[in-house]
C-alpha cells in the first residue's frame, strides 16, 4: 500500500538541517558585537544637572568617558552649572570645550 506521509529518512534530513541552521545562528549571535551604546559624558552630566536642579542641592557622581578612556568626578550645582575634573568641560553645557 502507498500511504501518504513522511519517511524516517525525510524526517532525519529536515531535523539535521534545522540543527545546522540553529548552530550557525547561535555562533553568529555569540560573536556579534554588543549593540548597547555607552552613555556619553554629556548625557551623564545632563542627568546630574537635572537632579541637582530638581532637589536644590549639589549632586556628585563618578563620570566615565569611554571614548577617551577617562574617569573622573563631576558635581552638578543647584544653579545648573557642572564642575568636573574630566578634561575641559563648559561649566553650563557640559560639552567639551576642546572641540570648539
PDB file of N, CA and C in Angstrom:
ATOM      1  N   UNK A   1       0.826  -1.177   0.000  1.00  0.00           N
ATOM      2  CA  UNK A   1       0.000   0.000   0.000  1.00  0.00           C
ATOM      3  C   UNK A   1       0.874   1.246   0.000  1.00  0.00           C
ATOM      4  N   UNK A   2       0.367   2.257  -0.640  1.00  0.00           N
ATOM      5  CA  UNK A   2       1.090   3.524  -0.740  1.00  0.00           C
ATOM      6  C   UNK A   2       0.387   4.546   0.152  1.00  0.00           C
ATOM      7  N   UNK A   3       0.917   4.739   1.393  1.00  0.00           N
ATOM      8  CA  UNK A   3       0.276   5.649   2.350  1.00  0.00           C
ATOM      9  C   UNK A   3       0.918   7.030   2.265  1.00  0.00           C
ATOM     10  N   UNK A   4       0.102   8.075   2.374  1.00  0.00           N
ATOM     11  CA  UNK A   4       0.683   9.424   2.391  1.00  0.00           C
ATOM     12  C   UNK A   4       1.380   9.669   3.732  1.00  0.00           C
ATOM     13  N   UNK A   5       2.427  10.466   3.717  1.00  0.00           N
ATOM     14  CA  UNK A   5       3.140  10.778   4.943  1.00  0.00           C
ATOM     15  C   UNK A   5       4.614  10.977   4.650  1.00  0.00           C
ATOM     16  N   UNK A   6       5.389  11.048   5.690  1.00  0.00           N
ATOM     17  CA  UNK A   6       6.826  11.249   5.514  1.00  0.00           C
ATOM     18  C   UNK A   6       7.570  10.026   6.026  1.00  0.00           C
ATOM     19  N   UNK A   7       8.724   9.817   5.452  1.00  0.00           N
ATOM     20  CA  UNK A   7       9.518   8.675   5.881  1.00  0.00           C
ATOM     21  C   UNK A   7      10.468   9.107   6.990  1.00  0.00           C
ATOM     22  N   UNK A   8      11.041   8.140   7.638  1.00  0.00           N
ATOM     23  CA  UNK A   8      12.005   8.419   8.698  1.00  0.00           C
ATOM     24  C   UNK A   8      13.218   9.142   8.139  1.00  0.00           C
ATOM     25  N   UNK A   9      13.636   8.797   6.949  1.00  0.00           N
ATOM     26  CA  UNK A   9      14.788   9.443   6.321  1.00  0.00           C
ATOM     27  C   UNK A   9      14.507  10.926   6.061  1.00  0.00           C
ATOM     28  N   UNK A  10      13.335  11.255   5.574  1.00  0.00           N
ATOM     29  CA  UNK A  10      12.975  12.657   5.344  1.00  0.00           C
ATOM     30  C   UNK A  10      12.961  13.443   6.656  1.00  0.00           C
ATOM     31  N   UNK A  11      12.450  12.843   7.689  1.00  0.00           N
ATOM     32  CA  UNK A  11      12.406  13.485   8.993  1.00  0.00           C
ATOM     33  C   UNK A  11      13.817  13.748   9.518  1.00  0.00           C
ATOM     34  N   UNK A  12      14.708  12.782   9.374  1.00  0.00           N
ATOM     35  CA  UNK A  12      16.089  12.954   9.811  1.00  0.00           C
ATOM     36  C   UNK A  12      16.796  14.055   9.034  1.00  0.00           C
ATOM     37  N   UNK A  13      16.559  14.140   7.744  1.00  0.00           N
ATOM     38  CA  UNK A  13      17.184  15.187   6.926  1.00  0.00           C
ATOM     39  C   UNK A  13      16.709  16.569   7.373  1.00  0.00           C
ATOM     40  N   UNK A  14      15.429  16.721   7.575  1.00  0.00           N
ATOM     41  CA  UNK A  14      14.880  18.013   7.996  1.00  0.00           C
ATOM     42  C   UNK A  14      15.401  18.408   9.374  1.00  0.00           C
ATOM     43  N   UNK A  15      15.438  17.479  10.311  1.00  0.00           N
ATOM     44  CA  UNK A  15      15.939  17.779  11.645  1.00  0.00           C
ATOM     45  C   UNK A  15      17.431  18.106  11.624  1.00  0.00           C
ATOM     46  N   UNK A  16      18.189  17.431  10.785  1.00  0.00           N
ATOM     47  CA  UNK A  16      19.620  17.728  10.657  1.00  0.00           C
ATOM     48  C   UNK A  16      19.834  19.133  10.119  1.00  0.00           C
ATOM     49  N   UNK A  17      19.070  19.506   9.100  1.00  0.00           N
ATOM     50  CA  UNK A  17      19.186  20.860   8.548  1.00  0.00           C
ATOM     51  C   UNK A  17      18.802  21.918   9.573  1.00  0.00           C
ATOM     52  N   UNK A  18      17.749  21.684  10.342  1.00  0.00           N
ATOM     53  CA  UNK A  18      17.361  22.622  11.390  1.00  0.00           C
ATOM     54  C   UNK A  18      18.453  22.737  12.458  1.00  0.00           C
ATOM     55  N   UNK A  19      19.076  21.629  12.810  1.00  0.00           N
ATOM     56  CA  UNK A  19      20.163  21.654  13.779  1.00  0.00           C
ATOM     57  C   UNK A  19      21.360  22.445  13.282  1.00  0.00           C
ATOM     58  N   UNK A  20      21.708  22.272  12.024  1.00  0.00           N
ATOM     59  CA  UNK A  20      22.826  23.031  11.437  1.00  0.00           C
ATOM     60  C   UNK A  20      22.508  24.522  11.416  1.00  0.00           C
ATOM     61  N   UNK A  21      21.290  24.869  11.029  1.00  0.00           N
ATOM     62  CA  UNK A  21      20.908  26.292  10.986  1.00  0.00           C
ATOM     63  C   UNK A  21      20.894  26.892  12.396  1.00  0.00           C
ATOM     64  N   UNK A  22      20.441  26.149  13.377  1.00  0.00           N
ATOM     65  CA  UNK A  22      20.425  26.654  14.758  1.00  0.00           C
ATOM     66  C   UNK A  22      21.846  26.859  15.268  1.00  0.00           C
ATOM     67  N   UNK A  23      22.754  25.947  14.920  1.00  0.00           N
ATOM     68  CA  UNK A  23      24.147  26.083  15.334  1.00  0.00           C
ATOM     69  C   UNK A  23      24.774  27.325  14.732  1.00  0.00           C
ATOM     70  N   UNK A  24      24.546  27.537  13.450  1.00  0.00           N
ATOM     71  CA  UNK A  24      25.096  28.719  12.781  1.00  0.00           C
ATOM     72  C   UNK A  24      24.527  29.993  13.395  1.00  0.00           C
ATOM     73  N   UNK A  25      23.233  30.014  13.648  1.00  0.00           N
ATOM     74  CA  UNK A  25      22.611  31.197  14.253  1.00  0.00           C
ATOM     75  C   UNK A  25      23.161  31.447  15.651  1.00  0.00           C
ATOM     76  N   UNK A  26      23.355  30.391  16.432  1.00  0.00           N
ATOM     77  CA  UNK A  26      23.901  30.550  17.781  1.00  0.00           C
ATOM     78  C   UNK A  26      25.312  31.094  17.764  1.00  0.00           C
ATOM     79  N   UNK A  27      26.140  30.596  16.860  1.00  0.00           N
ATOM     80  CA  UNK A  27      27.508  31.091  16.761  1.00  0.00           C
ATOM     81  C   UNK A  27      27.548  32.539  16.293  1.00  0.00           C
ATOM     82  N   UNK A  28      26.661  32.888  15.397  1.00  0.00           N
ATOM     83  CA  UNK A  28      26.609  34.266  14.906  1.00  0.00           C
ATOM     84  C   UNK A  28      26.213  35.221  16.020  1.00  0.00           C
ATOM     85  N   UNK A  29      25.257  34.840  16.811  1.00  0.00           N
ATOM     86  CA  UNK A  29      24.799  35.705  17.910  1.00  0.00           C
ATOM     87  C   UNK A  29      25.904  35.868  18.949  1.00  0.00           C
ATOM     88  N   UNK A  30      26.644  34.797  19.242  1.00  0.00           N
ATOM     89  CA  UNK A  30      27.703  34.874  20.246  1.00  0.00           C
ATOM     90  C   UNK A  30      28.853  35.769  19.811  1.00  0.00           C
ATOM     91  N   UNK A  31      29.176  35.773  18.516  1.00  0.00           N
ATOM     92  CA  UNK A  31      30.326  36.539  18.046  1.00  0.00           C
ATOM     93  C   UNK A  31      29.965  37.950  17.608  1.00  0.00           C
ATOM     94  N   UNK A  32      28.698  38.278  17.571  1.00  0.00           N
ATOM     95  CA  UNK A  32      28.282  39.614  17.156  1.00  0.00           C
ATOM     96  C   UNK A  32      28.710  40.634  18.201  1.00  0.00           C
ATOM     97  N   UNK A  33      29.033  41.834  17.749  1.00  0.00           N
ATOM     98  CA  UNK A  33      29.417  42.913  18.659  1.00  0.00           C
ATOM     99  C   UNK A  33      28.202  43.340  19.472  1.00  0.00           C
ATOM    100  N   UNK A  34      28.415  43.710  20.718  1.00  0.00           N
ATOM    101  CA  UNK A  34      27.281  44.171  21.521  1.00  0.00           C
ATOM    102  C   UNK A  34      26.670  45.431  20.930  1.00  0.00           C
ATOM    103  N   UNK A  35      25.361  45.515  20.973  1.00  0.00           N
ATOM    104  CA  UNK A  35      24.669  46.640  20.350  1.00  0.00           C
ATOM    105  C   UNK A  35      24.412  47.782  21.316  1.00  0.00           C
ATOM    106  N   UNK A  36      24.638  47.565  22.598  1.00  0.00           N
ATOM    107  CA  UNK A  36      24.357  48.633  23.549  1.00  0.00           C
ATOM    108  C   UNK A  36      25.370  49.764  23.364  1.00  0.00           C
ATOM    109  N   UNK A  37      24.904  50.957  23.494  1.00  0.00           N
ATOM    110  CA  UNK A  37      25.805  52.098  23.375  1.00  0.00           C
ATOM    111  C   UNK A  37      26.073  52.659  24.765  1.00  0.00           C
ATOM    112  N   UNK A  38      27.265  53.089  24.964  1.00  0.00           N
ATOM    113  CA  UNK A  38      27.618  53.646  26.255  1.00  0.00           C
ATOM    114  C   UNK A  38      27.081  55.066  26.364  1.00  0.00           C
ATOM    115  N   UNK A  39      26.691  55.429  27.548  1.00  0.00           N
ATOM    116  CA  UNK A  39      26.132  56.757  27.777  1.00  0.00           C
ATOM    117  C   UNK A  39      27.242  57.789  27.673  1.00  0.00           C
ATOM    118  N   UNK A  40      27.003  58.814  26.890  1.00  0.00           N
ATOM    119  CA  UNK A  40      28.019  59.845  26.696  1.00  0.00           C
ATOM    120  C   UNK A  40      28.177  60.686  27.967  1.00  0.00           C
ATOM    121  N   UNK A  41      29.320  61.344  28.039  1.00  0.00           N
ATOM    122  CA  UNK A  41      29.589  62.215  29.185  1.00  0.00           C
ATOM    123  C   UNK A  41      28.535  63.316  29.250  1.00  0.00           C
ATOM    124  N   UNK A  42      28.173  63.870  28.094  1.00  0.00           N
ATOM    125  CA  UNK A  42      27.169  64.940  28.070  1.00  0.00           C
ATOM    126  C   UNK A  42      25.845  64.461  28.647  1.00  0.00           C
ATOM    127  N   UNK A  43      25.447  63.230  28.324  1.00  0.00           N
ATOM    128  CA  UNK A  43      24.190  62.692  28.851  1.00  0.00           C
ATOM    129  C   UNK A  43      24.286  62.467  30.359  1.00  0.00           C
ATOM    130  N   UNK A  44      25.451  61.975  30.809  1.00  0.00           N
ATOM    131  CA  UNK A  44      25.641  61.771  32.243  1.00  0.00           C
ATOM    132  C   UNK A  44      25.573  63.100  32.992  1.00  0.00           C
ATOM    133  N   UNK A  45      26.219  64.127  32.433  1.00  0.00           N
ATOM    134  CA  UNK A  45      26.223  65.436  33.088  1.00  0.00           C
ATOM    135  C   UNK A  45      24.841  66.085  33.053  1.00  0.00           C
ATOM    136  N   UNK A  46      24.111  65.881  31.959  1.00  0.00           N
ATOM    137  CA  UNK A  46      22.752  66.427  31.880  1.00  0.00           C
ATOM    138  C   UNK A  46      21.861  65.803  32.946  1.00  0.00           C
ATOM    139  N   UNK A  47      22.025  64.509  33.167  1.00  0.00           N
ATOM    140  CA  UNK A  47      21.255  63.826  34.214  1.00  0.00           C
ATOM    141  C   UNK A  47      21.620  64.380  35.598  1.00  0.00           C
ATOM    142  N   UNK A  48      22.917  64.562  35.824  1.00  0.00           N
ATOM    143  CA  UNK A  48      23.357  65.137  37.107  1.00  0.00           C
ATOM    144  C   UNK A  48      22.772  66.536  37.303  1.00  0.00           C
ATOM    145  N   UNK A  49      22.856  67.354  36.243  1.00  0.00           N
ATOM    146  CA  UNK A  49      22.356  68.727  36.311  1.00  0.00           C
ATOM    147  C   UNK A  49      20.864  68.738  36.626  1.00  0.00           C
ATOM    148  N   UNK A  50      20.093  67.897  35.942  1.00  0.00           N
ATOM    149  CA  UNK A  50      18.649  67.833  36.177  1.00  0.00           C
ATOM    150  C   UNK A  50      18.345  67.417  37.616  1.00  0.00           C
ATOM    151  N   UNK A  51      19.112  66.461  38.128  1.00  0.00           N
ATOM    152  CA  UNK A  51      18.908  66.009  39.507  1.00  0.00           C
ATOM    153  C   UNK A  51      19.196  67.116  40.508  1.00  0.00           C
ATOM    154  N   UNK A  52      20.309  67.833  40.280  1.00  0.00           N
ATOM    155  CA  UNK A  52      20.693  68.904  41.208  1.00  0.00           C
ATOM    156  C   UNK A  52      19.664  70.025  41.217  1.00  0.00           C
ATOM    157  N   UNK A  53      19.172  70.385  40.045  1.00  0.00           N
ATOM    158  CA  UNK A  53      18.174  71.454  39.962  1.00  0.00           C
ATOM    159  C   UNK A  53      16.868  70.997  40.619  1.00  0.00           C
ATOM    160  N   UNK A  54      16.501  69.746  40.402  1.00  0.00           N
ATOM    161  CA  UNK A  54      15.237  69.235  40.942  1.00  0.00           C
ATOM    162  C   UNK A  54      15.244  69.175  42.464  1.00  0.00           C
ATOM    163  N   UNK A  55      16.353  68.741  43.057  1.00  0.00           N
ATOM    164  CA  UNK A  55      16.367  68.615  44.518  1.00  0.00           C
ATOM    165  C   UNK A  55      16.918  69.865  45.212  1.00  0.00           C
ATOM    166  N   UNK A  56      17.525  70.772  44.443  1.00  0.00           N
ATOM    167  CA  UNK A  56      18.015  72.021  45.026  1.00  0.00           C
ATOM    168  C   UNK A  56      19.278  71.867  45.848  1.00  0.00           C
ATOM    169  N   UNK A  57      20.059  70.833  45.577  1.00  0.00           N
ATOM    170  CA  UNK A  57      21.304  70.601  46.307  1.00  0.00           C
ATOM    171  C   UNK A  57      22.355  70.060  45.342  1.00  0.00           C
ATOM    172  N   UNK A  58      23.632  70.236  45.659  1.00  0.00           N
ATOM    173  CA  UNK A  58      24.685  69.689  44.785  1.00  0.00           C
ATOM    174  C   UNK A  58      24.605  68.165  44.710  1.00  0.00           C
ATOM    175  N   UNK A  59      24.899  67.635  43.521  1.00  0.00           N
ATOM    176  CA  UNK A  59      24.899  66.194  43.303  1.00  0.00           C
ATOM    177  C   UNK A  59      26.239  65.826  42.680  1.00  0.00           C
ATOM    178  N   UNK A  60      26.936  64.860  43.279  1.00  0.00           N
ATOM    179  CA  UNK A  60      28.234  64.415  42.759  1.00  0.00           C
ATOM    180  C   UNK A  60      28.144  62.961  42.325  1.00  0.00           C
ATOM    181  N   UNK A  61      28.914  62.644  41.273  1.00  0.00           N
ATOM    182  CA  UNK A  61      28.904  61.277  40.765  1.00  0.00           C
ATOM    183  C   UNK A  61      30.163  61.032  39.959  1.00  0.00           C
ATOM    184  N   UNK A  62      30.569  59.772  39.901  1.00  0.00           N
ATOM    185  CA  UNK A  62      31.694  59.391  39.050  1.00  0.00           C
ATOM    186  C   UNK A  62      31.192  59.336  37.616  1.00  0.00           C
ATOM    187  N   UNK A  63      31.908  59.996  36.712  1.00  0.00           N
ATOM    188  CA  UNK A  63      31.538  60.075  35.304  1.00  0.00           C
ATOM    189  C   UNK A  63      32.660  59.454  34.495  1.00  0.00           C
ATOM    190  N   UNK A  64      32.299  58.630  33.503  1.00  0.00           N
ATOM    191  CA  UNK A  64      33.330  57.998  32.678  1.00  0.00           C
ATOM    192  C   UNK A  64      33.149  58.374  31.214  1.00  0.00           C
ATOM    193  N   UNK A  65      34.273  58.608  30.558  1.00  0.00           N
ATOM    194  CA  UNK A  65      34.310  58.902  29.130  1.00  0.00           C
ATOM    195  C   UNK A  65      35.048  57.756  28.465  1.00  0.00           C
ATOM    196  N   UNK A  66      34.292  56.768  27.996  1.00  0.00           N
ATOM    197  CA  UNK A  66      34.921  55.570  27.444  1.00  0.00           C
ATOM    198  C   UNK A  66      35.649  55.853  26.141  1.00  0.00           C
ATOM    199  N   UNK A  67      35.212  56.863  25.398  1.00  0.00           N
ATOM    200  CA  UNK A  67      35.878  57.181  24.140  1.00  0.00           C
ATOM    201  C   UNK A  67      37.314  57.655  24.375  1.00  0.00           C
ATOM    202  N   UNK A  68      37.511  58.379  25.445  1.00  0.00           N
ATOM    203  CA  UNK A  68      38.851  58.884  25.774  1.00  0.00           C
ATOM    204  C   UNK A  68      39.538  58.066  26.856  1.00  0.00           C
ATOM    205  N   UNK A  69      38.789  57.144  27.450  1.00  0.00           N
ATOM    206  CA  UNK A  69      39.347  56.304  28.492  1.00  0.00           C
ATOM    207  C   UNK A  69      39.596  57.043  29.794  1.00  0.00           C
ATOM    208  N   UNK A  70      38.744  58.011  30.110  1.00  0.00           N
ATOM    209  CA  UNK A  70      38.934  58.806  31.324  1.00  0.00           C
ATOM    210  C   UNK A  70      37.772  58.583  32.286  1.00  0.00           C
ATOM    211  N   UNK A  71      38.087  58.628  33.543  1.00  0.00           N
ATOM    212  CA  UNK A  71      37.082  58.545  34.606  1.00  0.00           C
ATOM    213  C   UNK A  71      37.369  59.680  35.572  1.00  0.00           C
ATOM    214  N   UNK A  72      36.335  60.363  36.015  1.00  0.00           N
ATOM    215  CA  UNK A  72      36.533  61.467  36.940  1.00  0.00           C
ATOM    216  C   UNK A  72      35.281  61.763  37.731  1.00  0.00           C
ATOM    217  N   UNK A  73      35.378  62.747  38.568  1.00  0.00           N
ATOM    218  CA  UNK A  73      34.265  63.133  39.438  1.00  0.00           C
ATOM    219  C   UNK A  73      33.614  64.383  38.870  1.00  0.00           C
ATOM    220  N   UNK A  74      32.307  64.418  38.872  1.00  0.00           N
ATOM    221  CA  UNK A  74      31.564  65.593  38.429  1.00  0.00           C
ATOM    222  C   UNK A  74      30.573  65.980  39.516  1.00  0.00           C
ATOM    223  N   UNK A  75      30.414  67.285  39.686  1.00  0.00           N
ATOM    224  CA  UNK A  75      29.459  67.802  40.652  1.00  0.00           C
ATOM    225  C   UNK A  75      28.558  68.805  39.945  1.00  0.00           C
ATOM    226  N   UNK A  76      27.258  68.572  40.033  1.00  0.00           N
ATOM    227  CA  UNK A  76      26.285  69.496  39.476  1.00  0.00           C
ATOM    228  C   UNK A  76      25.742  70.340  40.618  1.00  0.00           C
ATOM    229  N   UNK A  77      25.689  71.630  40.382  1.00  0.00           N
ATOM    230  CA  UNK A  77      25.217  72.560  41.405  1.00  0.00           C
ATOM    231  C   UNK A  77      23.766  72.936  41.142  1.00  0.00           C
ATOM    232  N   UNK A  78      23.052  73.381  42.170  1.00  0.00           N
ATOM    233  CA  UNK A  78      21.627  73.703  42.008  1.00  0.00           C
ATOM    234  C   UNK A  78      21.353  74.821  41.004  1.00  0.00           C
ATOM    235  N   UNK A  79      22.360  75.649  40.689  1.00  0.00           N
ATOM    236  CA  UNK A  79      22.139  76.706  39.702  1.00  0.00           C
ATOM    237  C   UNK A  79      22.244  76.192  38.258  1.00  0.00           C
ATOM    238  N   UNK A  80      22.520  74.879  38.082  1.00  0.00           N
ATOM    239  CA  UNK A  80      22.586  74.283  36.748  1.00  0.00           C
ATOM    240  C   UNK A  80      23.990  74.159  36.202  1.00  0.00           C
ATOM    241  N   UNK A  81      24.975  74.646  36.937  1.00  0.00           N
ATOM    242  CA  UNK A  81      26.346  74.531  36.440  1.00  0.00           C
ATOM    243  C   UNK A  81      26.948  73.190  36.863  1.00  0.00           C
ATOM    244  N   UNK A  82      27.986  72.773  36.122  1.00  0.00           N
ATOM    245  CA  UNK A  82      28.637  71.495  36.382  1.00  0.00           C
ATOM    246  C   UNK A  82      30.129  71.719  36.507  1.00  0.00           C
ATOM    247  N   UNK A  83      30.723  71.146  37.538  1.00  0.00           N
ATOM    248  CA  UNK A  83      32.169  71.210  37.739  1.00  0.00           C
ATOM    249  C   UNK A  83      32.686  69.780  37.664  1.00  0.00           C
ATOM    250  N   UNK A  84      33.718  69.565  36.832  1.00  0.00           N
ATOM    251  CA  UNK A  84      34.234  68.222  36.662  1.00  0.00           C
ATOM    252  C   UNK A  84      35.735  68.245  36.481  1.00  0.00           C
ATOM    253  N   UNK A  85      36.381  67.138  36.843  1.00  0.00           N
ATOM    254  CA  UNK A  85      37.812  67.039  36.613  1.00  0.00           C
ATOM    255  C   UNK A  85      38.136  66.221  35.367  1.00  0.00           C
ATOM    256  N   UNK A  86      37.133  65.972  34.524  1.00  0.00           N
ATOM    257  CA  UNK A  86      37.353  65.284  33.246  1.00  0.00           C
ATOM    258  C   UNK A  86      37.565  66.335  32.171  1.00  0.00           C
ATOM    259  N   UNK A  87      38.775  66.486  31.702  1.00  0.00           N
ATOM    260  CA  UNK A  87      39.074  67.370  30.582  1.00  0.00           C
ATOM    261  C   UNK A  87      38.615  68.787  30.807  1.00  0.00           C
ATOM    262  N   UNK A  88      38.402  69.482  29.724  1.00  0.00           N
ATOM    263  CA  UNK A  88      37.943  70.873  29.755  1.00  0.00           C
ATOM    264  C   UNK A  88      36.479  70.892  29.336  1.00  0.00           C
ATOM    265  N   UNK A  89      35.601  70.962  30.312  1.00  0.00           N
ATOM    266  CA  UNK A  89      34.173  70.979  30.033  1.00  0.00           C
ATOM    267  C   UNK A  89      33.611  72.365  30.275  1.00  0.00           C
ATOM    268  N   UNK A  90      32.686  72.746  29.403  1.00  0.00           N
ATOM    269  CA  UNK A  90      31.985  74.005  29.593  1.00  0.00           C
ATOM    270  C   UNK A  90      31.130  73.886  30.852  1.00  0.00           C
ATOM    271  N   UNK A  91      31.218  74.846  31.712  1.00  0.00           N
ATOM    272  CA  UNK A  91      30.546  74.792  33.012  1.00  0.00           C
ATOM    273  C   UNK A  91      29.025  74.719  32.875  1.00  0.00           C
ATOM    274  N   UNK A  92      28.449  75.290  31.824  1.00  0.00           N
ATOM    275  CA  UNK A  92      26.997  75.367  31.703  1.00  0.00           C
ATOM    276  C   UNK A  92      26.397  74.300  30.798  1.00  0.00           C
ATOM    277  N   UNK A  93      27.112  73.889  29.762  1.00  0.00           N
ATOM    278  CA  UNK A  93      26.538  72.903  28.843  1.00  0.00           C
ATOM    279  C   UNK A  93      27.016  71.491  29.120  1.00  0.00           C
ATOM    280  N   UNK A  94      28.188  71.335  29.728  1.00  0.00           N
ATOM    281  CA  UNK A  94      28.755  70.019  29.956  1.00  0.00           C
ATOM    282  C   UNK A  94      29.491  69.474  28.752  1.00  0.00           C
ATOM    283  N   UNK A  95      29.520  70.250  27.670  1.00  0.00           N
ATOM    284  CA  UNK A  95      30.226  69.813  26.461  1.00  0.00           C
ATOM    285  C   UNK A  95      31.702  70.119  26.581  1.00  0.00           C
ATOM    286  N   UNK A  96      32.482  69.312  25.886  1.00  0.00           N
ATOM    287  CA  UNK A  96      33.926  69.514  25.892  1.00  0.00           C
ATOM    288  C   UNK A  96      34.266  70.810  25.192  1.00  0.00           C
ATOM    289  N   UNK A  97      35.065  71.651  25.836  1.00  0.00           N
ATOM    290  CA  UNK A  97      35.470  72.912  25.211  1.00  0.00           C
ATOM    291  C   UNK A  97      36.685  72.699  24.317  1.00  0.00           C
ATOM    292  N   UNK A  98      37.197  71.445  24.216  1.00  0.00           N
ATOM    293  CA  UNK A  98      38.323  71.136  23.328  1.00  0.00           C
ATOM    294  C   UNK A  98      37.878  71.096  21.870  1.00  0.00           C
ATOM    295  N   UNK A  99      36.596  70.820  21.608  1.00  0.00           N
ATOM    296  CA  UNK A  99      36.115  70.599  20.252  1.00  0.00           C
ATOM    297  C   UNK A  99      35.630  71.863  19.566  1.00  0.00           C
ATOM    298  N   UNK A 100      35.717  73.015  20.202  1.00  0.00           N
ATOM    299  CA  UNK A 100      35.219  74.248  19.592  1.00  0.00           C
ATOM    300  C   UNK A 100      36.098  74.681  18.464  1.00  0.00           C
TER     301      UNK A 100
END
